[in-house]
Amino acid sequence: MASYGATAAWGPVVTAAAPAVPAAGSPAPIVRLTRRGRLVRTMALGVLLVALVVAGAARLTGQPARAGDVPTRPVATQSVVVEQGDSLWLIAQRAAPESDPRELVREIRELNGLRSNLIQPGQVLLVPGPR
């Protein structure tokens, strides 16, 4: 009596006589990828390659400048001790009376790492020097 298995146009023929588990010492069965499996493997390798190229390019170009980084141009500064009643606005006006105090207040905050305009008497601040 012949045993017939289910066959498909794209799959292997399965017969009842084939052992379900390979015998000990026999070579492992060969894994064959379908067309879709080869496509998925190729796409995964392509994505990995693109990720490596992008990471390498980012490493070669360095990191972009971020807010709070040290300015690239050297700035001449002077130290100022905050007196009672002083504000960043008054200190900026005294440091450069001819320029816009708003810009100088921003620079003072950047130089000193201040998150707000609050300052205390006795505090030492770096102020941009004469321009």
Protein backbone atom coordinates (compact mmCIF):
# COMPACT_ATOMS: atom_id res chain seq x y z
CA MET A 1 0.00 0.00 0.00
CA ALA A 2 1.34 3.41 -0.92
CA SER A 3 1.14 6.30 1.50
CA TYR A 4 0.38 9.68 0.12
CA GLY A 5 0.96 12.98 1.89
CA ALA A 6 -0.42 16.40 1.35
CA THR A 7 1.54 18.35 -1.19
CA ALA A 8 1.58 21.96 -2.11
CA ALA A 9 3.10 23.59 -5.12
CA TRP A 10 5.67 25.37 -2.96
CA GLY A 11 6.26 22.92 -0.10
CA PRO A 12 8.00 19.58 0.33
CA VAL A 13 6.20 16.29 0.01
CA VAL A 14 5.37 14.81 3.42
CA THR A 15 4.92 11.07 3.61
CA ALA A 16 3.85 8.88 6.48
CA ALA A 17 7.10 6.94 6.26
CA ALA A 18 9.29 9.98 7.08
CA PRO A 19 10.48 10.06 10.70
CA ALA A 20 9.16 12.98 12.77
CA VAL A 21 12.47 13.43 14.64
CA PRO A 22 15.86 12.88 13.00
CA ALA A 23 17.87 10.01 14.42
CA ALA A 24 20.79 10.75 16.71
CA GLY A 25 23.99 11.34 14.77
CA SER A 26 22.22 12.22 11.54
CA PRO A 27 22.86 15.63 9.99
CA ALA A 28 20.49 18.46 10.90
CA PRO A 29 17.79 19.18 8.33
CA ILE A 30 18.55 22.02 5.92
CA VAL A 31 16.47 25.12 6.47
CA ARG A 32 15.23 26.63 3.26
CA LEU A 33 13.88 30.15 3.15
CA THR A 34 10.83 30.97 1.14
CA ARG A 35 10.83 33.91 -1.22
CA ARG A 36 9.17 36.04 1.46
CA GLY A 37 11.75 34.91 4.04
CA ARG A 38 14.62 35.91 1.74
CA LEU A 39 12.95 39.30 1.21
CA VAL A 40 12.58 39.85 4.97
CA ARG A 41 16.22 38.83 5.55
CA THR A 42 17.42 41.21 2.82
CA MET A 43 15.32 44.09 4.16
CA ALA A 44 16.58 43.52 7.73
CA LEU A 45 20.19 43.54 6.56
CA GLY A 46 19.53 46.70 4.54
CA VAL A 47 18.00 48.50 7.53
CA LEU A 48 20.96 47.46 9.69
CA LEU A 49 23.41 48.71 7.07
CA VAL A 50 21.63 52.09 6.79
CA ALA A 51 21.59 52.44 10.61
CA LEU A 52 25.34 51.76 10.75
CA VAL A 53 26.06 54.30 8.01
CA VAL A 54 23.96 56.97 9.74
CA ALA A 55 25.61 56.28 13.11
CA GLY A 56 29.06 56.45 11.54
CA ALA A 57 28.28 59.73 9.78
CA ALA A 58 26.94 61.24 13.00
CA ARG A 59 30.09 60.18 14.83
CA LEU A 60 32.35 61.71 12.18
CA THR A 61 30.55 65.04 12.07
CA GLY A 62 30.38 65.46 15.86
CA GLN A 63 27.44 66.66 17.90
CA PRO A 64 25.45 69.74 16.96
CA ALA A 65 25.56 72.76 19.25
CA ARG A 66 22.83 72.90 21.88
CA ALA A 67 21.42 75.66 24.02
CA GLY A 68 23.62 76.19 27.06
CA ASP A 69 26.86 75.16 25.33
CA VAL A 70 29.89 77.33 25.79
CA PRO A 71 30.02 79.96 23.04
CA THR A 72 32.59 79.26 20.33
CA ARG A 73 33.96 82.79 20.26
CA PRO A 74 36.02 83.88 23.27
CA VAL A 75 34.28 86.50 25.39
CA ALA A 76 36.22 88.98 27.50
CA THR A 77 34.58 89.10 30.91
CA GLN A 78 34.83 90.96 34.16
CA SER A 79 33.62 89.93 37.60
CA VAL A 80 30.91 91.97 39.33
CA VAL A 81 29.77 91.54 42.93
CA VAL A 82 26.00 91.98 43.28
CA GLU A 83 25.09 94.81 45.69
CA GLN A 84 21.83 95.26 47.62
CA GLY A 85 19.12 96.45 45.19
CA ASP A 86 20.99 95.36 42.05
CA SER A 87 19.25 93.53 39.22
CA LEU A 88 20.55 92.00 36.03
CA TRP A 89 19.05 94.95 34.17
CA LEU A 90 20.99 97.51 36.27
CA ILE A 91 24.21 95.52 36.00
CA ALA A 92 23.78 95.30 32.21
CA GLN A 93 23.14 99.08 31.97
CA ARG A 94 26.29 99.81 34.03
CA ALA A 95 28.42 97.40 31.99
CA ALA A 96 27.38 98.76 28.58
CA PRO A 97 25.25 101.91 28.79
CA GLU A 98 25.20 102.40 25.01
CA SER A 99 23.82 98.94 24.13
CA ASP A 100 20.45 97.24 24.57
CA PRO A 101 20.27 95.83 28.15
CA ARG A 102 18.03 92.92 27.05
CA GLU A 103 20.81 91.38 24.97
CA LEU A 104 23.38 91.87 27.73
CA VAL A 105 21.05 90.35 30.37
CA ARG A 106 20.71 87.26 28.13
CA GLU A 107 24.51 87.03 27.82
CA ILE A 108 25.00 87.42 31.59
CA ARG A 109 22.52 84.63 32.22
CA GLU A 110 24.31 82.37 29.70
CA LEU A 111 27.77 83.12 31.10
CA ASN A 112 26.67 82.35 34.66
CA GLY A 113 24.28 79.48 33.95
CA LEU A 114 21.33 81.33 35.49
CA ARG A 115 17.84 79.92 34.89
CA SER A 116 16.06 83.05 36.07
CA ASN A 117 16.77 86.72 36.70
CA LEU A 118 16.98 86.23 40.48
CA ILE A 119 20.33 87.21 41.99
CA GLN A 120 21.48 87.63 45.59
CA PRO A 121 23.63 90.36 47.23
CA GLY A 122 27.23 89.17 47.46
CA GLN A 123 26.89 86.88 44.44
CA VAL A 124 29.77 87.15 41.96
CA LEU A 125 28.69 87.34 38.31
CA LEU A 126 30.68 87.24 35.09
CA VAL A 127 29.70 90.14 32.85
CA PRO A 128 30.86 90.59 29.24
CA GLY A 129 33.60 93.20 29.12
CA PRO A 130 33.79 96.31 26.98
CA ARG A 131 33.03 95.78 23.33
